[in-house]
Amino acid sequence: MSSDATGAEVEVNFCQRCGSPMSWQERSGRLRPVCTECGWIYFPDPKVAAAVLVEQEGRILLVRRTSEPERGKWTLPAGFVDAGEDPARAAERECLEETGLNVQVNSLIDVLYGLEHPRGAHIVIFYRAGIVSGSLMPGDDVDGVDFFQQDHLPPLAFHTTHKILNRL
């Protein structure tokens, strides 16, 4: 196992096309796994996550994480975008799964790059969204969900969360 250009661990031992062994070679300006038989090159795709900023009566919706890293700290509702999934729909889906609230994305806030931990996303897309329906209750991957005044925020997880909330 070696690291790719992003620093993420990559283990590609056999070619996905012909099954032959892979070797690390200089290709396209970086060391990459290359098939020793057919020459196929493995290009790792970045992980993409989508998050929503939901405000109600001047307060910000946050969720408390149940897993590491940053267990027990609060962040915006967010999660990974599935292959073939519209990132805005992924943000809405993640919000429903984590908070019990159906939301509708209404604008893009920003797209941030930076791997904060080995299992995290390389790219996070932040949207502003409004509540459509639902009842506030913690769900998937969270044990707390609440609205907070920006000047009375709980301990926050992740640099990107701080960066987006500091823009408000």
N, C-alpha and C. Protein backbone atom coordinates (compact mmCIF):
# COMPACT_ATOMS: atom_id res chain seq x y z
N MET A 1 0.86 -1.17 0.00
CA MET A 1 0.00 0.00 0.00
C MET A 1 0.90 1.23 0.00
N SER A 2 0.50 2.22 -0.77
CA SER A 2 1.23 3.47 -0.87
C SER A 2 0.26 4.62 -0.84
N SER A 3 0.80 5.83 -0.79
CA SER A 3 -0.06 7.02 -0.80
C SER A 3 -0.16 7.57 -2.20
N ASP A 4 -1.35 8.04 -2.55
CA ASP A 4 -1.52 8.71 -3.84
C ASP A 4 -1.12 10.17 -3.69
N ALA A 5 -1.35 10.97 -4.70
CA ALA A 5 -0.94 12.37 -4.70
C ALA A 5 -1.65 13.20 -3.64
N THR A 6 -2.81 12.75 -3.18
CA THR A 6 -3.56 13.50 -2.16
C THR A 6 -3.15 13.11 -0.76
N GLY A 7 -2.32 12.08 -0.62
CA GLY A 7 -1.93 11.60 0.69
C GLY A 7 -2.81 10.47 1.19
N ALA A 8 -3.85 10.14 0.44
CA ALA A 8 -4.75 9.05 0.84
C ALA A 8 -4.08 7.71 0.56
N GLU A 9 -4.36 6.74 1.42
CA GLU A 9 -3.81 5.41 1.23
C GLU A 9 -4.51 4.72 0.06
N VAL A 10 -3.71 4.15 -0.83
CA VAL A 10 -4.24 3.47 -2.00
C VAL A 10 -3.62 2.08 -2.06
N GLU A 11 -4.46 1.07 -2.20
CA GLU A 11 -3.97 -0.29 -2.36
C GLU A 11 -4.60 -0.86 -3.62
N VAL A 12 -3.80 -0.89 -4.66
CA VAL A 12 -4.24 -1.44 -5.94
C VAL A 12 -3.19 -2.46 -6.35
N ASN A 13 -3.46 -3.72 -6.07
CA ASN A 13 -2.48 -4.77 -6.34
C ASN A 13 -2.63 -5.42 -7.71
N PHE A 14 -3.87 -5.43 -8.21
CA PHE A 14 -4.13 -6.11 -9.47
C PHE A 14 -4.97 -5.24 -10.38
N CYS A 15 -4.74 -5.36 -11.66
CA CYS A 15 -5.43 -4.59 -12.68
C CYS A 15 -6.92 -4.92 -12.71
N GLN A 16 -7.74 -3.90 -12.75
CA GLN A 16 -9.18 -4.10 -12.81
C GLN A 16 -9.63 -4.56 -14.19
N ARG A 17 -8.79 -4.43 -15.19
CA ARG A 17 -9.15 -4.86 -16.55
C ARG A 17 -8.72 -6.29 -16.85
N CYS A 18 -7.44 -6.63 -16.54
CA CYS A 18 -6.94 -7.95 -16.94
C CYS A 18 -6.49 -8.81 -15.78
N GLY A 19 -6.43 -8.27 -14.56
CA GLY A 19 -6.07 -9.05 -13.38
C GLY A 19 -4.58 -9.20 -13.14
N SER A 20 -3.74 -8.60 -13.97
CA SER A 20 -2.29 -8.70 -13.81
C SER A 20 -1.81 -7.81 -12.66
N PRO A 21 -0.61 -8.07 -12.15
CA PRO A 21 -0.07 -7.24 -11.06
C PRO A 21 0.15 -5.79 -11.50
N MET A 22 0.04 -4.91 -10.51
CA MET A 22 0.28 -3.47 -10.73
C MET A 22 1.65 -3.11 -10.18
N SER A 23 2.24 -2.08 -10.75
CA SER A 23 3.49 -1.53 -10.21
C SER A 23 3.37 -0.01 -10.22
N TRP A 24 4.10 0.64 -9.30
CA TRP A 24 4.07 2.10 -9.23
C TRP A 24 5.05 2.67 -10.24
N GLN A 25 4.52 3.52 -11.13
CA GLN A 25 5.34 4.13 -12.18
C GLN A 25 4.96 5.60 -12.32
N GLU A 26 5.89 6.39 -12.83
CA GLU A 26 5.64 7.80 -13.11
C GLU A 26 4.74 7.89 -14.34
N ARG A 27 3.56 8.44 -14.16
CA ARG A 27 2.60 8.64 -15.24
C ARG A 27 1.83 9.93 -14.97
N SER A 28 1.68 10.73 -15.99
CA SER A 28 0.93 11.98 -15.89
C SER A 28 1.42 12.85 -14.73
N GLY A 29 2.72 12.87 -14.53
CA GLY A 29 3.33 13.76 -13.54
C GLY A 29 3.34 13.27 -12.12
N ARG A 30 2.89 12.03 -11.87
CA ARG A 30 2.86 11.48 -10.51
C ARG A 30 3.13 9.98 -10.54
N LEU A 31 3.50 9.44 -9.37
CA LEU A 31 3.58 8.00 -9.24
C LEU A 31 2.17 7.45 -9.14
N ARG A 32 1.87 6.48 -10.01
CA ARG A 32 0.53 5.89 -10.04
C ARG A 32 0.65 4.38 -10.26
N PRO A 33 -0.35 3.61 -9.76
CA PRO A 33 -0.37 2.18 -10.06
C PRO A 33 -0.64 1.95 -11.56
N VAL A 34 0.24 1.13 -12.18
CA VAL A 34 0.14 0.85 -13.61
C VAL A 34 0.21 -0.65 -13.82
N CYS A 35 -0.65 -1.18 -14.67
CA CYS A 35 -0.67 -2.61 -14.95
C CYS A 35 0.61 -3.02 -15.70
N THR A 36 1.23 -4.09 -15.23
CA THR A 36 2.47 -4.57 -15.84
C THR A 36 2.23 -5.26 -17.18
N GLU A 37 0.99 -5.63 -17.49
CA GLU A 37 0.67 -6.32 -18.74
C GLU A 37 0.00 -5.42 -19.77
N CYS A 38 -1.14 -4.83 -19.41
CA CYS A 38 -1.91 -4.07 -20.42
C CYS A 38 -1.65 -2.57 -20.35
N GLY A 39 -0.95 -2.09 -19.31
CA GLY A 39 -0.62 -0.68 -19.22
C GLY A 39 -1.71 0.22 -18.65
N TRP A 40 -2.83 -0.39 -18.18
CA TRP A 40 -3.92 0.42 -17.61
C TRP A 40 -3.40 1.17 -16.40
N ILE A 41 -3.81 2.43 -16.26
CA ILE A 41 -3.36 3.28 -15.17
C ILE A 41 -4.53 3.53 -14.23
N TYR A 42 -4.28 3.35 -12.94
CA TYR A 42 -5.30 3.63 -11.93
C TYR A 42 -5.21 5.09 -11.53
N PHE A 43 -6.32 5.82 -11.72
CA PHE A 43 -6.43 7.22 -11.29
C PHE A 43 -7.45 7.26 -10.15
N PRO A 44 -7.03 7.53 -8.92
CA PRO A 44 -7.99 7.57 -7.81
C PRO A 44 -8.92 8.77 -7.94
N ASP A 45 -10.20 8.54 -7.65
CA ASP A 45 -11.18 9.62 -7.67
C ASP A 45 -11.25 10.24 -6.28
N PRO A 46 -11.49 11.54 -6.21
CA PRO A 46 -11.63 12.17 -4.90
C PRO A 46 -12.98 11.80 -4.29
N LYS A 47 -13.02 11.76 -2.96
CA LYS A 47 -14.29 11.61 -2.26
C LYS A 47 -14.94 12.98 -2.20
N VAL A 48 -16.24 13.01 -2.47
CA VAL A 48 -16.99 14.26 -2.46
C VAL A 48 -18.10 14.15 -1.42
N ALA A 49 -18.25 15.20 -0.63
CA ALA A 49 -19.33 15.28 0.36
C ALA A 49 -20.16 16.52 0.07
N ALA A 50 -21.38 16.51 0.56
CA ALA A 50 -22.27 17.66 0.42
C ALA A 50 -22.86 17.97 1.79
N ALA A 51 -22.99 19.27 2.09
CA ALA A 51 -23.48 19.72 3.38
C ALA A 51 -24.53 20.80 3.18
N VAL A 52 -25.40 20.96 4.19
CA VAL A 52 -26.40 22.02 4.12
C VAL A 52 -26.29 22.94 5.32
N LEU A 53 -26.49 24.21 5.04
CA LEU A 53 -26.62 25.23 6.06
C LEU A 53 -28.10 25.59 6.10
N VAL A 54 -28.75 25.25 7.21
CA VAL A 54 -30.17 25.53 7.39
C VAL A 54 -30.29 26.51 8.55
N GLU A 55 -30.99 27.62 8.30
CA GLU A 55 -31.21 28.61 9.35
C GLU A 55 -32.70 28.73 9.61
N GLN A 56 -33.03 28.93 10.88
CA GLN A 56 -34.42 29.13 11.28
C GLN A 56 -34.43 30.17 12.40
N GLU A 57 -35.13 31.27 12.16
CA GLU A 57 -35.23 32.35 13.14
C GLU A 57 -33.85 32.80 13.62
N GLY A 58 -32.90 32.89 12.68
CA GLY A 58 -31.56 33.36 13.00
C GLY A 58 -30.66 32.33 13.65
N ARG A 59 -31.13 31.11 13.78
CA ARG A 59 -30.33 30.04 14.39
C ARG A 59 -29.89 29.04 13.32
N ILE A 60 -28.78 28.35 13.59
CA ILE A 60 -28.16 27.44 12.64
C ILE A 60 -28.38 25.99 13.08
N LEU A 61 -28.79 25.14 12.14
CA LEU A 61 -28.99 23.73 12.41
C LEU A 61 -27.64 23.01 12.44
N LEU A 62 -27.38 22.31 13.55
CA LEU A 62 -26.16 21.52 13.70
C LEU A 62 -26.49 20.13 14.20
N VAL A 63 -25.59 19.18 13.92
CA VAL A 63 -25.74 17.80 14.39
C VAL A 63 -24.49 17.41 15.17
N ARG A 64 -24.67 16.55 16.20
CA ARG A 64 -23.54 16.09 17.01
C ARG A 64 -23.12 14.70 16.54
N ARG A 65 -21.85 14.56 16.22
CA ARG A 65 -21.28 13.34 15.66
C ARG A 65 -21.18 12.21 16.69
N THR A 66 -21.46 10.98 16.23
CA THR A 66 -21.32 9.81 17.10
C THR A 66 -20.08 9.00 16.79
N SER A 67 -19.34 9.36 15.74
CA SER A 67 -18.17 8.57 15.37
C SER A 67 -16.93 9.46 15.27
N GLU A 68 -15.80 8.81 15.33
CA GLU A 68 -14.52 9.50 15.15
C GLU A 68 -14.29 9.71 13.66
N PRO A 69 -13.59 10.72 13.32
CA PRO A 69 -12.99 11.70 14.21
C PRO A 69 -14.03 12.74 14.66
N GLU A 70 -13.66 13.46 15.68
CA GLU A 70 -14.47 14.57 16.20
C GLU A 70 -15.77 14.11 16.86
N ARG A 71 -15.78 12.91 17.41
CA ARG A 71 -16.97 12.40 18.12
C ARG A 71 -17.37 13.39 19.22
N GLY A 72 -18.67 13.65 19.31
CA GLY A 72 -19.19 14.54 20.33
C GLY A 72 -19.19 16.01 19.95
N LYS A 73 -18.57 16.35 18.84
CA LYS A 73 -18.57 17.74 18.38
C LYS A 73 -19.67 17.92 17.34
N TRP A 74 -19.97 19.16 17.06
CA TRP A 74 -21.10 19.51 16.21
C TRP A 74 -20.63 19.98 14.84
N THR A 75 -21.47 19.73 13.85
CA THR A 75 -21.17 20.13 12.48
C THR A 75 -22.47 20.32 11.71
N LEU A 76 -22.35 20.81 10.50
CA LEU A 76 -23.52 20.92 9.63
C LEU A 76 -23.92 19.53 9.15
N PRO A 77 -25.21 19.30 8.88
CA PRO A 77 -25.61 18.02 8.30
C PRO A 77 -24.89 17.81 6.97
N ALA A 78 -24.27 16.64 6.83
CA ALA A 78 -23.45 16.39 5.63
C ALA A 78 -23.18 14.91 5.46
N GLY A 79 -22.73 14.55 4.28
CA GLY A 79 -22.33 13.17 4.01
C GLY A 79 -21.82 13.02 2.60
N PHE A 80 -21.38 11.82 2.29
CA PHE A 80 -20.79 11.55 0.98
C PHE A 80 -21.84 11.54 -0.13
N VAL A 81 -21.41 11.99 -1.28
CA VAL A 81 -22.23 11.94 -2.50
C VAL A 81 -22.00 10.58 -3.15
N ASP A 82 -23.06 9.86 -3.42
CA ASP A 82 -22.96 8.56 -4.09
C ASP A 82 -22.67 8.76 -5.58
N ALA A 83 -22.02 7.78 -6.20
CA ALA A 83 -21.77 7.82 -7.64
C ALA A 83 -23.10 7.99 -8.37
N GLY A 84 -23.16 8.93 -9.30
CA GLY A 84 -24.37 9.17 -10.07
C GLY A 84 -25.41 10.02 -9.36
N GLU A 85 -25.13 10.48 -8.15
CA GLU A 85 -26.09 11.26 -7.38
C GLU A 85 -25.80 12.75 -7.52
N ASP A 86 -26.84 13.53 -7.74
CA ASP A 86 -26.71 14.98 -7.78
C ASP A 86 -26.27 15.44 -6.39
N PRO A 87 -25.20 16.23 -6.27
CA PRO A 87 -24.73 16.66 -4.95
C PRO A 87 -25.78 17.42 -4.13
N ALA A 88 -26.62 18.21 -4.77
CA ALA A 88 -27.66 18.92 -4.03
C ALA A 88 -28.66 17.94 -3.44
N ARG A 89 -29.02 16.89 -4.18
CA ARG A 89 -29.93 15.88 -3.66
C ARG A 89 -29.25 15.09 -2.54
N ALA A 90 -27.96 14.86 -2.66
CA ALA A 90 -27.21 14.17 -1.59
C ALA A 90 -27.25 14.98 -0.31
N ALA A 91 -27.09 16.30 -0.41
CA ALA A 91 -27.14 17.17 0.76
C ALA A 91 -28.52 17.10 1.41
N GLU A 92 -29.57 17.12 0.59
CA GLU A 92 -30.94 17.02 1.12
C GLU A 92 -31.16 15.66 1.78
N ARG A 93 -30.69 14.59 1.15
CA ARG A 93 -30.83 13.23 1.69
C ARG A 93 -30.12 13.11 3.03
N GLU A 94 -28.88 13.60 3.09
CA GLU A 94 -28.11 13.51 4.33
C GLU A 94 -28.79 14.29 5.45
N CYS A 95 -29.35 15.45 5.14
CA CYS A 95 -30.04 16.23 6.16
C CYS A 95 -31.23 15.45 6.69
N LEU A 96 -32.01 14.85 5.82
CA LEU A 96 -33.16 14.05 6.26
C LEU A 96 -32.70 12.88 7.13
N GLU A 97 -31.66 12.16 6.70
CA GLU A 97 -31.17 11.01 7.44
C GLU A 97 -30.67 11.40 8.84
N GLU A 98 -30.02 12.56 8.94
CA GLU A 98 -29.40 12.96 10.20
C GLU A 98 -30.32 13.76 11.12
N THR A 99 -31.32 14.46 10.56
CA THR A 99 -32.10 15.40 11.37
C THR A 99 -33.61 15.15 11.37
N GLY A 100 -34.11 14.33 10.46
CA GLY A 100 -35.55 14.15 10.34
C GLY A 100 -36.24 15.26 9.56
N LEU A 101 -35.47 16.22 9.05
CA LEU A 101 -36.04 17.35 8.31
C LEU A 101 -35.85 17.19 6.81
N ASN A 102 -36.94 17.35 6.06
CA ASN A 102 -36.86 17.44 4.61
C ASN A 102 -36.51 18.88 4.29
N VAL A 103 -35.43 19.07 3.55
CA VAL A 103 -35.02 20.42 3.17
C VAL A 103 -34.91 20.51 1.66
N GLN A 104 -34.91 21.74 1.17
CA GLN A 104 -34.72 21.98 -0.26
C GLN A 104 -33.56 22.95 -0.42
N VAL A 105 -32.57 22.51 -1.19
CA VAL A 105 -31.41 23.35 -1.49
C VAL A 105 -31.88 24.53 -2.32
N ASN A 106 -31.45 25.74 -1.95
CA ASN A 106 -31.82 26.91 -2.75
C ASN A 106 -30.64 27.72 -3.26
N SER A 107 -29.42 27.44 -2.76
CA SER A 107 -28.26 28.12 -3.32
C SER A 107 -26.97 27.42 -2.91
N LEU A 108 -25.94 27.67 -3.69
CA LEU A 108 -24.60 27.16 -3.41
C LEU A 108 -23.86 28.19 -2.57
N ILE A 109 -23.23 27.74 -1.48
CA ILE A 109 -22.43 28.63 -0.65
C ILE A 109 -20.99 28.61 -1.12
N ASP A 110 -20.39 27.41 -1.19
CA ASP A 110 -18.99 27.30 -1.57
C ASP A 110 -18.63 25.84 -1.81
N VAL A 111 -17.48 25.63 -2.43
CA VAL A 111 -16.89 24.32 -2.61
C VAL A 111 -15.49 24.41 -2.01
N LEU A 112 -15.22 23.56 -1.00
CA LEU A 112 -13.93 23.61 -0.32
C LEU A 112 -13.16 22.33 -0.54
N TYR A 113 -11.85 22.46 -0.65
CA TYR A 113 -10.95 21.32 -0.84
C TYR A 113 -10.07 21.17 0.38
N GLY A 114 -9.81 19.94 0.76
CA GLY A 114 -8.88 19.68 1.84
C GLY A 114 -9.28 18.46 2.64
N LEU A 115 -8.47 17.45 2.60
CA LEU A 115 -8.72 16.21 3.32
C LEU A 115 -8.40 16.43 4.80
N GLU A 116 -9.43 16.42 5.66
CA GLU A 116 -9.23 16.70 7.08
C GLU A 116 -8.88 15.46 7.89
N HIS A 117 -9.23 14.29 7.39
CA HIS A 117 -8.86 13.03 8.05
C HIS A 117 -8.91 11.93 6.99
N PRO A 118 -8.22 10.81 7.23
CA PRO A 118 -8.07 9.78 6.19
C PRO A 118 -9.35 9.23 5.60
N ARG A 119 -10.45 9.20 6.37
CA ARG A 119 -11.71 8.66 5.84
C ARG A 119 -12.63 9.76 5.33
N GLY A 120 -12.16 11.00 5.32
CA GLY A 120 -12.99 12.13 4.96
C GLY A 120 -13.06 12.40 3.47
N ALA A 121 -13.71 13.48 3.16
CA ALA A 121 -13.88 13.91 1.77
C ALA A 121 -12.73 14.83 1.37
N HIS A 122 -12.38 14.76 0.11
CA HIS A 122 -11.41 15.68 -0.45
C HIS A 122 -12.07 17.01 -0.82
N ILE A 123 -13.33 16.92 -1.24
CA ILE A 123 -14.10 18.08 -1.70
C ILE A 123 -15.43 18.10 -0.94
N VAL A 124 -15.77 19.25 -0.38
CA VAL A 124 -17.06 19.40 0.31
C VAL A 124 -17.82 20.55 -0.36
N ILE A 125 -19.04 20.25 -0.78
CA ILE A 125 -19.91 21.23 -1.42
C ILE A 125 -20.92 21.69 -0.38
N PHE A 126 -20.96 23.00 -0.11
CA PHE A 126 -21.87 23.55 0.90
C PHE A 126 -23.02 24.29 0.23
N TYR A 127 -24.23 23.94 0.64
CA TYR A 127 -25.44 24.56 0.12
C TYR A 127 -26.20 25.25 1.25
N ARG A 128 -26.98 26.23 0.89
CA ARG A 128 -27.97 26.83 1.79
C ARG A 128 -29.29 26.14 1.45
N ALA A 129 -30.06 25.78 2.49
CA ALA A 129 -31.32 25.07 2.25
C ALA A 129 -32.39 25.56 3.22
N GLY A 130 -33.64 25.38 2.82
CA GLY A 130 -34.77 25.73 3.65
C GLY A 130 -35.56 24.50 4.03
N ILE A 131 -36.21 24.54 5.17
CA ILE A 131 -37.00 23.41 5.66
C ILE A 131 -38.31 23.33 4.88
N VAL A 132 -38.65 22.13 4.43
CA VAL A 132 -39.90 21.86 3.72
C VAL A 132 -40.89 21.18 4.66
N SER A 133 -40.42 20.17 5.41
CA SER A 133 -41.27 19.43 6.33
C SER A 133 -40.41 18.59 7.26
N GLY A 134 -41.08 17.83 8.13
CA GLY A 134 -40.37 16.91 9.00
C GLY A 134 -40.38 17.33 10.45
N SER A 135 -39.86 16.44 11.29
CA SER A 135 -39.76 16.66 12.72
C SER A 135 -38.30 16.49 13.13
N LEU A 136 -37.80 17.44 13.87
CA LEU A 136 -36.40 17.44 14.29
C LEU A 136 -36.13 16.27 15.25
N MET A 137 -35.25 15.35 14.82
CA MET A 137 -34.83 14.24 15.67
C MET A 137 -33.52 13.67 15.14
N PRO A 138 -32.60 13.29 16.03
CA PRO A 138 -31.33 12.75 15.57
C PRO A 138 -31.52 11.41 14.86
N GLY A 139 -30.73 11.21 13.82
CA GLY A 139 -30.81 9.97 13.06
C GLY A 139 -29.43 9.39 12.79
N ASP A 140 -29.21 8.99 11.57
CA ASP A 140 -27.99 8.32 11.13
C ASP A 140 -26.73 9.09 11.53
N ASP A 141 -25.82 8.43 12.24
CA ASP A 141 -24.49 8.95 12.58
C ASP A 141 -24.48 10.12 13.56
N VAL A 142 -25.62 10.50 14.13
CA VAL A 142 -25.65 11.62 15.07
C VAL A 142 -26.51 11.25 16.28
N ASP A 143 -26.18 11.87 17.42
CA ASP A 143 -26.99 11.63 18.62
C ASP A 143 -27.58 12.92 19.16
N GLY A 144 -27.39 14.01 18.45
CA GLY A 144 -27.96 15.27 18.84
C GLY A 144 -28.20 16.14 17.62
N VAL A 145 -29.27 16.90 17.64
CA VAL A 145 -29.58 17.82 16.56
C VAL A 145 -30.32 19.00 17.18
N ASP A 146 -29.88 20.22 16.82
CA ASP A 146 -30.51 21.39 17.42
C ASP A 146 -30.14 22.63 16.60
N PHE A 147 -30.87 23.70 16.87
CA PHE A 147 -30.58 25.00 16.28
C PHE A 147 -29.83 25.84 17.31
N PHE A 148 -28.80 26.56 16.87
CA PHE A 148 -27.97 27.36 17.75
C PHE A 148 -27.81 28.78 17.23
N GLN A 149 -27.77 29.73 18.16
CA GLN A 149 -27.41 31.11 17.80
C GLN A 149 -25.93 31.11 17.42
N GLN A 150 -25.58 31.90 16.42
CA GLN A 150 -24.19 31.90 15.96
C GLN A 150 -23.22 32.36 17.05
N ASP A 151 -23.66 33.19 17.97
CA ASP A 151 -22.76 33.64 19.03
C ASP A 151 -22.76 32.71 20.25
N HIS A 152 -23.48 31.59 20.15
CA HIS A 152 -23.50 30.58 21.22
C HIS A 152 -23.41 29.17 20.64
N LEU A 153 -22.40 28.94 19.82
CA LEU A 153 -22.23 27.64 19.17
C LEU A 153 -21.57 26.64 20.11
N PRO A 154 -21.91 25.37 20.00
CA PRO A 154 -21.24 24.32 20.77
C PRO A 154 -19.86 24.04 20.15
N PRO A 155 -19.06 23.16 20.75
CA PRO A 155 -17.76 22.80 20.16
C PRO A 155 -17.97 22.23 18.74
N LEU A 156 -17.27 22.81 17.78
CA LEU A 156 -17.46 22.44 16.38
C LEU A 156 -16.39 21.48 15.88
N ALA A 157 -16.81 20.57 15.01
CA ALA A 157 -15.91 19.65 14.32
C ALA A 157 -15.50 20.26 12.98
N PHE A 158 -14.29 20.03 12.59
CA PHE A 158 -13.78 20.30 11.26
C PHE A 158 -13.52 21.77 10.91
N HIS A 159 -12.42 21.96 10.27
CA HIS A 159 -12.01 23.28 9.81
C HIS A 159 -13.03 23.86 8.83
N THR A 160 -13.56 23.01 7.94
CA THR A 160 -14.51 23.51 6.95
C THR A 160 -15.79 24.02 7.59
N THR A 161 -16.23 23.39 8.68
CA THR A 161 -17.42 23.87 9.40
C THR A 161 -17.16 25.28 9.93
N HIS A 162 -16.01 25.45 10.57
CA HIS A 162 -15.63 26.78 11.09
C HIS A 162 -15.58 27.80 9.96
N LYS A 163 -14.98 27.42 8.85
CA LYS A 163 -14.81 28.36 7.73
C LYS A 163 -16.16 28.82 7.19
N ILE A 164 -17.09 27.91 6.99
CA ILE A 164 -18.40 28.28 6.46
C ILE A 164 -19.17 29.13 7.47
N LEU A 165 -19.18 28.73 8.74
CA LEU A 165 -19.93 29.49 9.74
C LEU A 165 -19.32 30.86 10.01
N ASN A 166 -18.03 31.00 9.85
CA ASN A 166 -17.39 32.31 10.02
C ASN A 166 -17.78 33.29 8.93
N ARG A 167 -18.29 32.80 7.82
CA ARG A 167 -18.71 33.67 6.72
C ARG A 167 -20.08 34.30 6.95
N LEU A 168 -20.82 33.79 7.91
CA LEU A 168 -22.18 34.31 8.16
C LEU A 168 -22.13 35.68 8.80
